[in-house]
ModelCIF file with pLDDT and N, C-alpha, C, O atoms, coordinates in Angstrom:
data_MODEL
#
_entry.id   MODEL 
#
_entity.id                         1 
_entity.type                       polymer 
_entity.pdbx_number_of_molecules   1 
#
_entity_poly.entity_id                      1 
_entity_poly.type                           'polypeptide(L)' 
_entity_poly.nstd_linkage                   no 
_entity_poly.nstd_monomer                   no 
_entity_poly.pdbx_seq_one_letter_code       ERICFYAHDDSAFLTFDYYEIDAVILHPDEVIFYNHGERHILSDI 
_entity_poly.pdbx_seq_one_letter_code_can   ERICFYAHDDSAFLTFDYYEIDAVILHPDEVIFYNHGERHILSDI 
_entity_poly.pdbx_strand_id                 A 
#
loop_
_entity_poly_seq.entity_id 
_entity_poly_seq.num 
_entity_poly_seq.mon_id 
_entity_poly_seq.hetero 
1 1  GLU n 
1 2  ARG n 
1 3  ILE n 
1 4  CYS n 
1 5  PHE n 
1 6  TYR n 
1 7  ALA n 
1 8  HIS n 
1 9  ASP n 
1 10 ASP n 
1 11 SER n 
1 12 ALA n 
1 13 PHE n 
1 14 LEU n 
1 15 THR n 
1 16 PHE n 
1 17 ASP n 
1 18 TYR n 
1 19 TYR n 
1 20 GLU n 
1 21 ILE n 
1 22 ASP n 
1 23 ALA n 
1 24 VAL n 
1 25 ILE n 
1 26 LEU n 
1 27 HIS n 
1 28 PRO n 
1 29 ASP n 
1 30 GLU n 
1 31 VAL n 
1 32 ILE n 
1 33 PHE n 
1 34 TYR n 
1 35 ASN n 
1 36 HIS n 
1 37 GLY n 
1 38 GLU n 
1 39 ARG n 
1 40 HIS n 
1 41 ILE n 
1 42 LEU n 
1 43 SER n 
1 44 ASP n 
1 45 ILE n 
#
_struct_asym.id          A 
_struct_asym.entity_id   1 
#
loop_
_ma_qa_metric.id 
_ma_qa_metric.mode 
_ma_qa_metric.name 
_ma_qa_metric.software_group_id 
_ma_qa_metric.type 
1 global pLDDT . pLDDT 
2 local  pLDDT . pLDDT 
#
_ma_qa_metric_global.metric_id      1 
_ma_qa_metric_global.metric_value   92.20 
_ma_qa_metric_global.model_id       1 
_ma_qa_metric_global.ordinal_id     1 
#
loop_
_ma_qa_metric_local.label_asym_id 
_ma_qa_metric_local.label_comp_id 
_ma_qa_metric_local.label_seq_id 
_ma_qa_metric_local.metric_id 
_ma_qa_metric_local.metric_value 
_ma_qa_metric_local.model_id 
_ma_qa_metric_local.ordinal_id 
A GLU 1  2 94.00 1 1  
A ARG 2  2 95.00 1 2  
A ILE 3  2 96.00 1 3  
A CYS 4  2 94.00 1 4  
A PHE 5  2 94.00 1 5  
A TYR 6  2 92.00 1 6  
A ALA 7  2 91.00 1 7  
A HIS 8  2 89.00 1 8  
A ASP 9  2 88.00 1 9  
A ASP 10 2 84.00 1 10 
A SER 11 2 80.00 1 11 
A ALA 12 2 86.00 1 12 
A PHE 13 2 89.00 1 13 
A LEU 14 2 92.00 1 14 
A THR 15 2 94.00 1 15 
A PHE 16 2 95.00 1 16 
A ASP 17 2 94.00 1 17 
A TYR 18 2 94.00 1 18 
A TYR 19 2 92.00 1 19 
A GLU 20 2 93.00 1 20 
A ILE 21 2 93.00 1 21 
A ASP 22 2 92.00 1 22 
A ALA 23 2 92.00 1 23 
A VAL 24 2 92.00 1 24 
A ILE 25 2 91.00 1 25 
A LEU 26 2 87.00 1 26 
A HIS 27 2 89.00 1 27 
A PRO 28 2 88.00 1 28 
A ASP 29 2 90.00 1 29 
A GLU 30 2 94.00 1 30 
A VAL 31 2 95.00 1 31 
A ILE 32 2 95.00 1 32 
A PHE 33 2 95.00 1 33 
A TYR 34 2 94.00 1 34 
A ASN 35 2 93.00 1 35 
A HIS 36 2 91.00 1 36 
A GLY 37 2 91.00 1 37 
A GLU 38 2 92.00 1 38 
A ARG 39 2 93.00 1 39 
A HIS 40 2 95.00 1 40 
A ILE 41 2 96.00 1 41 
A LEU 42 2 97.00 1 42 
A SER 43 2 96.00 1 43 
A ASP 44 2 96.00 1 44 
A ILE 45 2 96.00 1 45 
#
loop_
_atom_site.group_PDB 
_atom_site.id 
_atom_site.type_symbol 
_atom_site.label_atom_id 
_atom_site.label_alt_id 
_atom_site.label_comp_id 
_atom_site.label_asym_id 
_atom_site.label_entity_id 
_atom_site.label_seq_id 
_atom_site.pdbx_PDB_ins_code 
_atom_site.Cartn_x 
_atom_site.Cartn_y 
_atom_site.Cartn_z 
_atom_site.occupancy 
_atom_site.B_iso_or_equiv 
_atom_site.pdbx_formal_charge 
_atom_site.auth_seq_id 
_atom_site.auth_comp_id 
_atom_site.auth_asym_id 
_atom_site.auth_atom_id 
_atom_site.pdbx_PDB_model_num 
ATOM 1   N N  . GLU A 1 1  ? 8.256  4.928   28.197 1.00 94.00 ? 1  GLU A N  1 
ATOM 2   C CA . GLU A 1 1  ? 9.532  5.157   28.491 1.00 94.00 ? 1  GLU A CA 1 
ATOM 3   C C  . GLU A 1 1  ? 10.677 4.818   27.404 1.00 94.00 ? 1  GLU A C  1 
ATOM 4   O O  . GLU A 1 1  ? 11.755 5.412   27.363 1.00 94.00 ? 1  GLU A O  1 
ATOM 5   N N  . ARG A 1 2  ? 10.293 3.785   26.533 1.00 95.00 ? 2  ARG A N  1 
ATOM 6   C CA . ARG A 1 2  ? 11.126 3.191   25.566 1.00 95.00 ? 2  ARG A CA 1 
ATOM 7   C C  . ARG A 1 2  ? 10.400 2.499   24.474 1.00 95.00 ? 2  ARG A C  1 
ATOM 8   O O  . ARG A 1 2  ? 9.171  2.492   24.403 1.00 95.00 ? 2  ARG A O  1 
ATOM 9   N N  . ILE A 1 3  ? 11.286 1.841   23.515 1.00 96.00 ? 3  ILE A N  1 
ATOM 10  C CA . ILE A 1 3  ? 10.709 0.943   22.526 1.00 96.00 ? 3  ILE A CA 1 
ATOM 11  C C  . ILE A 1 3  ? 11.451 -0.365  23.050 1.00 96.00 ? 3  ILE A C  1 
ATOM 12  O O  . ILE A 1 3  ? 12.618 -0.293  23.435 1.00 96.00 ? 3  ILE A O  1 
ATOM 13  N N  . CYS A 1 4  ? 10.782 -1.493  23.052 1.00 94.00 ? 4  CYS A N  1 
ATOM 14  C CA . CYS A 1 4  ? 11.050 -2.703  23.455 1.00 94.00 ? 4  CYS A CA 1 
ATOM 15  C C  . CYS A 1 4  ? 10.822 -3.804  22.272 1.00 94.00 ? 4  CYS A C  1 
ATOM 16  O O  . CYS A 1 4  ? 9.840  -3.775  21.531 1.00 94.00 ? 4  CYS A O  1 
ATOM 17  N N  . PHE A 1 5  ? 11.728 -4.653  22.205 1.00 94.00 ? 5  PHE A N  1 
ATOM 18  C CA . PHE A 1 5  ? 11.619 -5.715  21.314 1.00 94.00 ? 5  PHE A CA 1 
ATOM 19  C C  . PHE A 1 5  ? 11.755 -7.023  22.011 1.00 94.00 ? 5  PHE A C  1 
ATOM 20  O O  . PHE A 1 5  ? 12.753 -7.318  22.668 1.00 94.00 ? 5  PHE A O  1 
ATOM 21  N N  . TYR A 1 6  ? 10.507 -7.961  21.816 1.00 92.00 ? 6  TYR A N  1 
ATOM 22  C CA . TYR A 1 6  ? 10.412 -9.392  22.483 1.00 92.00 ? 6  TYR A CA 1 
ATOM 23  C C  . TYR A 1 6  ? 10.584 -10.339 21.352 1.00 92.00 ? 6  TYR A C  1 
ATOM 24  O O  . TYR A 1 6  ? 9.639  -10.307 20.563 1.00 92.00 ? 6  TYR A O  1 
ATOM 25  N N  . ALA A 1 7  ? 11.529 -11.169 21.061 1.00 91.00 ? 7  ALA A N  1 
ATOM 26  C CA . ALA A 1 7  ? 11.651 -12.246 20.221 1.00 91.00 ? 7  ALA A CA 1 
ATOM 27  C C  . ALA A 1 7  ? 10.691 -13.303 20.618 1.00 91.00 ? 7  ALA A C  1 
ATOM 28  O O  . ALA A 1 7  ? 10.673 -13.647 21.800 1.00 91.00 ? 7  ALA A O  1 
ATOM 29  N N  . HIS A 1 8  ? 9.966  -13.804 19.841 1.00 89.00 ? 8  HIS A N  1 
ATOM 30  C CA . HIS A 1 8  ? 9.211  -14.922 20.054 1.00 89.00 ? 8  HIS A CA 1 
ATOM 31  C C  . HIS A 1 8  ? 9.901  -16.413 20.085 1.00 89.00 ? 8  HIS A C  1 
ATOM 32  O O  . HIS A 1 8  ? 9.475  -17.398 20.688 1.00 89.00 ? 8  HIS A O  1 
ATOM 33  N N  . ASP A 1 9  ? 10.917 -16.329 19.384 1.00 88.00 ? 9  ASP A N  1 
ATOM 34  C CA . ASP A 1 9  ? 11.648 -17.738 19.259 1.00 88.00 ? 9  ASP A CA 1 
ATOM 35  C C  . ASP A 1 9  ? 12.428 -17.950 20.439 1.00 88.00 ? 9  ASP A C  1 
ATOM 36  O O  . ASP A 1 9  ? 12.342 -19.057 20.971 1.00 88.00 ? 9  ASP A O  1 
ATOM 37  N N  . ASP A 1 10 ? 13.191 -17.062 20.953 1.00 84.00 ? 10 ASP A N  1 
ATOM 38  C CA . ASP A 1 10 ? 14.139 -17.474 21.879 1.00 84.00 ? 10 ASP A CA 1 
ATOM 39  C C  . ASP A 1 10 ? 14.011 -16.601 23.187 1.00 84.00 ? 10 ASP A C  1 
ATOM 40  O O  . ASP A 1 10 ? 14.794 -16.783 24.119 1.00 84.00 ? 10 ASP A O  1 
ATOM 41  N N  . SER A 1 11 ? 13.007 -15.647 23.243 1.00 80.00 ? 11 SER A N  1 
ATOM 42  C CA . SER A 1 11 ? 12.559 -14.976 24.439 1.00 80.00 ? 11 SER A CA 1 
ATOM 43  C C  . SER A 1 11 ? 13.585 -13.699 24.518 1.00 80.00 ? 11 SER A C  1 
ATOM 44  O O  . SER A 1 11 ? 13.643 -13.017 25.541 1.00 80.00 ? 11 SER A O  1 
ATOM 45  N N  . ALA A 1 12 ? 14.377 -13.430 23.380 1.00 86.00 ? 12 ALA A N  1 
ATOM 46  C CA . ALA A 1 12 ? 15.371 -12.227 23.801 1.00 86.00 ? 12 ALA A CA 1 
ATOM 47  C C  . ALA A 1 12 ? 14.578 -10.881 23.841 1.00 86.00 ? 12 ALA A C  1 
ATOM 48  O O  . ALA A 1 12 ? 13.558 -10.744 23.166 1.00 86.00 ? 12 ALA A O  1 
ATOM 49  N N  . PHE A 1 13 ? 15.057 -9.912  24.628 1.00 89.00 ? 13 PHE A N  1 
ATOM 50  C CA . PHE A 1 13 ? 14.527 -8.801  24.884 1.00 89.00 ? 13 PHE A CA 1 
ATOM 51  C C  . PHE A 1 13 ? 15.547 -7.690  24.743 1.00 89.00 ? 13 PHE A C  1 
ATOM 52  O O  . PHE A 1 13 ? 16.579 -7.692  25.414 1.00 89.00 ? 13 PHE A O  1 
ATOM 53  N N  . LEU A 1 14 ? 15.214 -6.613  23.750 1.00 92.00 ? 14 LEU A N  1 
ATOM 54  C CA . LEU A 1 14 ? 15.970 -5.651  23.412 1.00 92.00 ? 14 LEU A CA 1 
ATOM 55  C C  . LEU A 1 14 ? 15.066 -4.310  23.923 1.00 92.00 ? 14 LEU A C  1 
ATOM 56  O O  . LEU A 1 14 ? 13.837 -4.267  23.970 1.00 92.00 ? 14 LEU A O  1 
ATOM 57  N N  . THR A 1 15 ? 15.968 -3.273  24.277 1.00 94.00 ? 15 THR A N  1 
ATOM 58  C CA . THR A 1 15 ? 15.345 -2.017  24.581 1.00 94.00 ? 15 THR A CA 1 
ATOM 59  C C  . THR A 1 15 ? 15.984 -0.827  24.041 1.00 94.00 ? 15 THR A C  1 
ATOM 60  O O  . THR A 1 15 ? 17.215 -0.834  24.037 1.00 94.00 ? 15 THR A O  1 
ATOM 61  N N  . PHE A 1 16 ? 15.435 0.097   23.628 1.00 95.00 ? 16 PHE A N  1 
ATOM 62  C CA . PHE A 1 16 ? 15.891 1.328   23.007 1.00 95.00 ? 16 PHE A CA 1 
ATOM 63  C C  . PHE A 1 16 ? 15.283 2.624   23.493 1.00 95.00 ? 16 PHE A C  1 
ATOM 64  O O  . PHE A 1 16 ? 14.169 3.016   23.146 1.00 95.00 ? 16 PHE A O  1 
ATOM 65  N N  . ASP A 1 17 ? 16.054 3.231   24.279 1.00 94.00 ? 17 ASP A N  1 
ATOM 66  C CA . ASP A 1 17 ? 15.458 4.564   24.827 1.00 94.00 ? 17 ASP A CA 1 
ATOM 67  C C  . ASP A 1 17 ? 15.248 5.517   24.073 1.00 94.00 ? 17 ASP A C  1 
ATOM 68  O O  . ASP A 1 17 ? 16.127 5.792   23.257 1.00 94.00 ? 17 ASP A O  1 
ATOM 69  N N  . TYR A 1 18 ? 14.175 6.209   24.111 1.00 94.00 ? 18 TYR A N  1 
ATOM 70  C CA . TYR A 1 18 ? 13.677 7.377   22.995 1.00 94.00 ? 18 TYR A CA 1 
ATOM 71  C C  . TYR A 1 18 ? 15.057 8.487   22.931 1.00 94.00 ? 18 TYR A C  1 
ATOM 72  O O  . TYR A 1 18 ? 15.414 8.937   21.842 1.00 94.00 ? 18 TYR A O  1 
ATOM 73  N N  . TYR A 1 19 ? 15.544 8.742   23.810 1.00 92.00 ? 19 TYR A N  1 
ATOM 74  C CA . TYR A 1 19 ? 16.634 9.776   23.766 1.00 92.00 ? 19 TYR A CA 1 
ATOM 75  C C  . TYR A 1 19 ? 17.932 9.366   23.037 1.00 92.00 ? 19 TYR A C  1 
ATOM 76  O O  . TYR A 1 19 ? 18.783 10.198  22.722 1.00 92.00 ? 19 TYR A O  1 
ATOM 77  N N  . GLU A 1 20 ? 18.028 8.213   22.817 1.00 93.00 ? 20 GLU A N  1 
ATOM 78  C CA . GLU A 1 20 ? 19.190 7.347   22.162 1.00 93.00 ? 20 GLU A CA 1 
ATOM 79  C C  . GLU A 1 20 ? 18.731 6.992   20.761 1.00 93.00 ? 20 GLU A C  1 
ATOM 80  O O  . GLU A 1 20 ? 19.540 6.413   20.036 1.00 93.00 ? 20 GLU A O  1 
ATOM 81  N N  . ILE A 1 21 ? 17.448 7.292   20.274 1.00 93.00 ? 21 ILE A N  1 
ATOM 82  C CA . ILE A 1 21 ? 17.127 7.202   18.863 1.00 93.00 ? 21 ILE A CA 1 
ATOM 83  C C  . ILE A 1 21 ? 17.618 8.204   17.921 1.00 93.00 ? 21 ILE A C  1 
ATOM 84  O O  . ILE A 1 21 ? 17.122 9.318   18.090 1.00 93.00 ? 21 ILE A O  1 
ATOM 85  N N  . ASP A 1 22 ? 18.419 8.101   17.022 1.00 92.00 ? 22 ASP A N  1 
ATOM 86  C CA . ASP A 1 22 ? 18.688 9.123   16.123 1.00 92.00 ? 22 ASP A CA 1 
ATOM 87  C C  . ASP A 1 22 ? 17.704 9.345   15.268 1.00 92.00 ? 22 ASP A C  1 
ATOM 88  O O  . ASP A 1 22 ? 17.561 10.545  15.032 1.00 92.00 ? 22 ASP A O  1 
ATOM 89  N N  . ALA A 1 23 ? 16.874 8.549   14.641 1.00 92.00 ? 23 ALA A N  1 
ATOM 90  C CA . ALA A 1 23 ? 15.895 9.083   13.666 1.00 92.00 ? 23 ALA A CA 1 
ATOM 91  C C  . ALA A 1 23 ? 14.925 7.765   13.306 1.00 92.00 ? 23 ALA A C  1 
ATOM 92  O O  . ALA A 1 23 ? 15.217 6.574   13.417 1.00 92.00 ? 23 ALA A O  1 
ATOM 93  N N  . VAL A 1 24 ? 13.739 8.338   12.862 1.00 92.00 ? 24 VAL A N  1 
ATOM 94  C CA . VAL A 1 24 ? 12.707 7.493   12.643 1.00 92.00 ? 24 VAL A CA 1 
ATOM 95  C C  . VAL A 1 24 ? 12.366 7.760   11.175 1.00 92.00 ? 24 VAL A C  1 
ATOM 96  O O  . VAL A 1 24 ? 12.154 8.879   10.707 1.00 92.00 ? 24 VAL A O  1 
ATOM 97  N N  . ILE A 1 25 ? 12.339 6.650   10.529 1.00 91.00 ? 25 ILE A N  1 
ATOM 98  C CA . ILE A 1 25 ? 12.187 6.843   8.894  1.00 91.00 ? 25 ILE A CA 1 
ATOM 99  C C  . ILE A 1 25 ? 10.376 6.525   8.722  1.00 91.00 ? 25 ILE A C  1 
ATOM 100 O O  . ILE A 1 25 ? 9.949  5.444   9.127  1.00 91.00 ? 25 ILE A O  1 
ATOM 101 N N  . LEU A 1 26 ? 9.601  7.352   8.222  1.00 87.00 ? 26 LEU A N  1 
ATOM 102 C CA . LEU A 1 26 ? 8.384  6.977   8.076  1.00 87.00 ? 26 LEU A CA 1 
ATOM 103 C C  . LEU A 1 26 ? 8.176  6.375   6.873  1.00 87.00 ? 26 LEU A C  1 
ATOM 104 O O  . LEU A 1 26 ? 8.586  6.869   5.823  1.00 87.00 ? 26 LEU A O  1 
ATOM 105 N N  . HIS A 1 27 ? 7.397  5.046   6.954  1.00 89.00 ? 27 HIS A N  1 
ATOM 106 C CA . HIS A 1 27 ? 7.262  4.112   5.814  1.00 89.00 ? 27 HIS A CA 1 
ATOM 107 C C  . HIS A 1 27 ? 5.821  3.656   6.252  1.00 89.00 ? 27 HIS A C  1 
ATOM 108 O O  . HIS A 1 27 ? 5.630  3.416   7.444  1.00 89.00 ? 27 HIS A O  1 
ATOM 109 N N  . PRO A 1 28 ? 4.757  3.521   5.305  1.00 88.00 ? 28 PRO A N  1 
ATOM 110 C CA . PRO A 1 28 ? 3.658  2.788   5.762  1.00 88.00 ? 28 PRO A CA 1 
ATOM 111 C C  . PRO A 1 28 ? 3.539  1.496   5.866  1.00 88.00 ? 28 PRO A C  1 
ATOM 112 O O  . PRO A 1 28 ? 2.470  1.048   6.280  1.00 88.00 ? 28 PRO A O  1 
ATOM 113 N N  . ASP A 1 29 ? 4.508  0.697   5.547  1.00 90.00 ? 29 ASP A N  1 
ATOM 114 C CA . ASP A 1 29 ? 4.402  -0.801  5.830  1.00 90.00 ? 29 ASP A CA 1 
ATOM 115 C C  . ASP A 1 29 ? 5.563  -1.402  6.857  1.00 90.00 ? 29 ASP A C  1 
ATOM 116 O O  . ASP A 1 29 ? 5.756  -2.571  7.192  1.00 90.00 ? 29 ASP A O  1 
ATOM 117 N N  . GLU A 1 30 ? 6.164  -0.365  7.181  1.00 94.00 ? 30 GLU A N  1 
ATOM 118 C CA . GLU A 1 30 ? 7.597  -1.020  8.271  1.00 94.00 ? 30 GLU A CA 1 
ATOM 119 C C  . GLU A 1 30 ? 7.777  0.182   9.279  1.00 94.00 ? 30 GLU A C  1 
ATOM 120 O O  . GLU A 1 30 ? 7.412  1.340   9.075  1.00 94.00 ? 30 GLU A O  1 
ATOM 121 N N  . VAL A 1 31 ? 8.298  -0.223  10.210 1.00 95.00 ? 31 VAL A N  1 
ATOM 122 C CA . VAL A 1 31 ? 8.826  0.630   11.182 1.00 95.00 ? 31 VAL A CA 1 
ATOM 123 C C  . VAL A 1 31 ? 10.613 0.497   11.173 1.00 95.00 ? 31 VAL A C  1 
ATOM 124 O O  . VAL A 1 31 ? 11.262 -0.476  11.556 1.00 95.00 ? 31 VAL A O  1 
ATOM 125 N N  . ILE A 1 32 ? 11.090 1.662   10.671 1.00 95.00 ? 32 ILE A N  1 
ATOM 126 C CA . ILE A 1 32 ? 12.556 1.829   10.786 1.00 95.00 ? 32 ILE A CA 1 
ATOM 127 C C  . ILE A 1 32 ? 13.004 2.998   11.415 1.00 95.00 ? 32 ILE A C  1 
ATOM 128 O O  . ILE A 1 32 ? 12.604 4.148   11.235 1.00 95.00 ? 32 ILE A O  1 
ATOM 129 N N  . PHE A 1 33 ? 14.012 2.522   12.290 1.00 95.00 ? 33 PHE A N  1 
ATOM 130 C CA . PHE A 1 33 ? 14.584 3.526   13.235 1.00 95.00 ? 33 PHE A CA 1 
ATOM 131 C C  . PHE A 1 33 ? 16.021 3.094   13.448 1.00 95.00 ? 33 PHE A C  1 
ATOM 132 O O  . PHE A 1 33 ? 16.459 1.944   13.413 1.00 95.00 ? 33 PHE A O  1 
ATOM 133 N N  . TYR A 1 34 ? 16.708 4.284   13.688 1.00 94.00 ? 34 TYR A N  1 
ATOM 134 C CA . TYR A 1 34 ? 18.120 4.142   14.020 1.00 94.00 ? 34 TYR A CA 1 
ATOM 135 C C  . TYR A 1 34 ? 18.426 4.394   15.525 1.00 94.00 ? 34 TYR A C  1 
ATOM 136 O O  . TYR A 1 34 ? 17.779 5.253   16.124 1.00 94.00 ? 34 TYR A O  1 
ATOM 137 N N  . ASN A 1 35 ? 19.328 3.719   16.113 1.00 93.00 ? 35 ASN A N  1 
ATOM 138 C CA . ASN A 1 35 ? 19.584 3.784   17.376 1.00 93.00 ? 35 ASN A CA 1 
ATOM 139 C C  . ASN A 1 35 ? 21.205 3.672   17.397 1.00 93.00 ? 35 ASN A C  1 
ATOM 140 O O  . ASN A 1 35 ? 21.750 2.747   16.794 1.00 93.00 ? 35 ASN A O  1 
ATOM 141 N N  . HIS A 1 36 ? 21.933 4.609   18.085 1.00 91.00 ? 36 HIS A N  1 
ATOM 142 C CA . HIS A 1 36 ? 23.353 4.682   17.993 1.00 91.00 ? 36 HIS A CA 1 
ATOM 143 C C  . HIS A 1 36 ? 23.944 4.408   16.562 1.00 91.00 ? 36 HIS A C  1 
ATOM 144 O O  . HIS A 1 36 ? 24.988 3.788   16.359 1.00 91.00 ? 36 HIS A O  1 
ATOM 145 N N  . GLY A 1 37 ? 23.060 5.005   15.516 1.00 91.00 ? 37 GLY A N  1 
ATOM 146 C CA . GLY A 1 37 ? 23.738 4.699   14.178 1.00 91.00 ? 37 GLY A CA 1 
ATOM 147 C C  . GLY A 1 37 ? 23.252 3.327   13.488 1.00 91.00 ? 37 GLY A C  1 
ATOM 148 O O  . GLY A 1 37 ? 23.424 3.052   12.300 1.00 91.00 ? 37 GLY A O  1 
ATOM 149 N N  . GLU A 1 38 ? 22.650 2.561   14.394 1.00 92.00 ? 38 GLU A N  1 
ATOM 150 C CA . GLU A 1 38 ? 22.407 1.323   13.671 1.00 92.00 ? 38 GLU A CA 1 
ATOM 151 C C  . GLU A 1 38 ? 20.873 1.143   13.290 1.00 92.00 ? 38 GLU A C  1 
ATOM 152 O O  . GLU A 1 38 ? 19.996 1.484   14.084 1.00 92.00 ? 38 GLU A O  1 
ATOM 153 N N  . ARG A 1 39 ? 20.599 0.625   12.119 1.00 93.00 ? 39 ARG A N  1 
ATOM 154 C CA . ARG A 1 39 ? 19.410 0.408   11.692 1.00 93.00 ? 39 ARG A CA 1 
ATOM 155 C C  . ARG A 1 39 ? 18.690 -0.725  12.116 1.00 93.00 ? 39 ARG A C  1 
ATOM 156 O O  . ARG A 1 39 ? 19.234 -1.828  12.163 1.00 93.00 ? 39 ARG A O  1 
ATOM 157 N N  . HIS A 1 40 ? 17.498 -0.546  12.433 1.00 95.00 ? 40 HIS A N  1 
ATOM 158 C CA . HIS A 1 40 ? 16.553 -1.464  13.041 1.00 95.00 ? 40 HIS A CA 1 
ATOM 159 C C  . HIS A 1 40 ? 15.205 -1.336  12.124 1.00 95.00 ? 40 HIS A C  1 
ATOM 160 O O  . HIS A 1 40 ? 14.680 -0.265  11.822 1.00 95.00 ? 40 HIS A O  1 
ATOM 161 N N  . ILE A 1 41 ? 14.758 -2.604  11.750 1.00 96.00 ? 41 ILE A N  1 
ATOM 162 C CA . ILE A 1 41 ? 13.537 -2.647  10.894 1.00 96.00 ? 41 ILE A CA 1 
ATOM 163 C C  . ILE A 1 41 ? 12.692 -3.754  11.295 1.00 96.00 ? 41 ILE A C  1 
ATOM 164 O O  . ILE A 1 41 ? 13.093 -4.893  11.538 1.00 96.00 ? 41 ILE A O  1 
ATOM 165 N N  . LEU A 1 42 ? 11.316 -3.284  11.356 1.00 97.00 ? 42 LEU A N  1 
ATOM 166 C CA . LEU A 1 42 ? 10.170 -4.402  11.606 1.00 97.00 ? 42 LEU A CA 1 
ATOM 167 C C  . LEU A 1 42 ? 9.544  -4.252  10.304 1.00 97.00 ? 42 LEU A C  1 
ATOM 168 O O  . LEU A 1 42 ? 9.334  -3.156  9.784  1.00 97.00 ? 42 LEU A O  1 
ATOM 169 N N  . SER A 1 43 ? 9.219  -5.490  9.733  1.00 96.00 ? 43 SER A N  1 
ATOM 170 C CA . SER A 1 43 ? 8.673  -5.432  8.282  1.00 96.00 ? 43 SER A CA 1 
ATOM 171 C C  . SER A 1 43 ? 7.744  -6.619  8.402  1.00 96.00 ? 43 SER A C  1 
ATOM 172 O O  . SER A 1 43 ? 7.652  -7.137  9.515  1.00 96.00 ? 43 SER A O  1 
ATOM 173 N N  . ASP A 1 44 ? 7.078  -7.091  7.443  1.00 96.00 ? 44 ASP A N  1 
ATOM 174 C CA . ASP A 1 44 ? 6.215  -8.126  7.417  1.00 96.00 ? 44 ASP A CA 1 
ATOM 175 C C  . ASP A 1 44 ? 5.189  -8.154  8.683  1.00 96.00 ? 44 ASP A C  1 
ATOM 176 O O  . ASP A 1 44 ? 4.959  -9.204  9.284  1.00 96.00 ? 44 ASP A O  1 
ATOM 177 N N  . ILE A 1 45 ? 4.700  -7.134  8.972  1.00 96.00 ? 45 ILE A N  1 
ATOM 178 C CA . ILE A 1 45 ? 3.747  -6.718  10.027 1.00 96.00 ? 45 ILE A CA 1 
ATOM 179 C C  . ILE A 1 45 ? 2.610  -7.430  9.954  1.00 96.00 ? 45 ILE A C  1 
ATOM 180 O O  . ILE A 1 45 ? 1.699  -7.220  10.755 1.00 96.00 ? 45 ILE A O  1 
#
C-alpha cells in the first residue's frame, strides 16, 4: 500500500502513499524519492 520508515533510535514512523510520490531516482547504492516535492534518501544501506 505505501512506503514506511521506522526510525530505530526514537521509534518514529513515517508513511508515504505511492500515489503521493512524485518521482523515484534510480541509483545503485541509495533509494531517492520525492514526496510532495520533498527529497527523501536512504543511504549507507
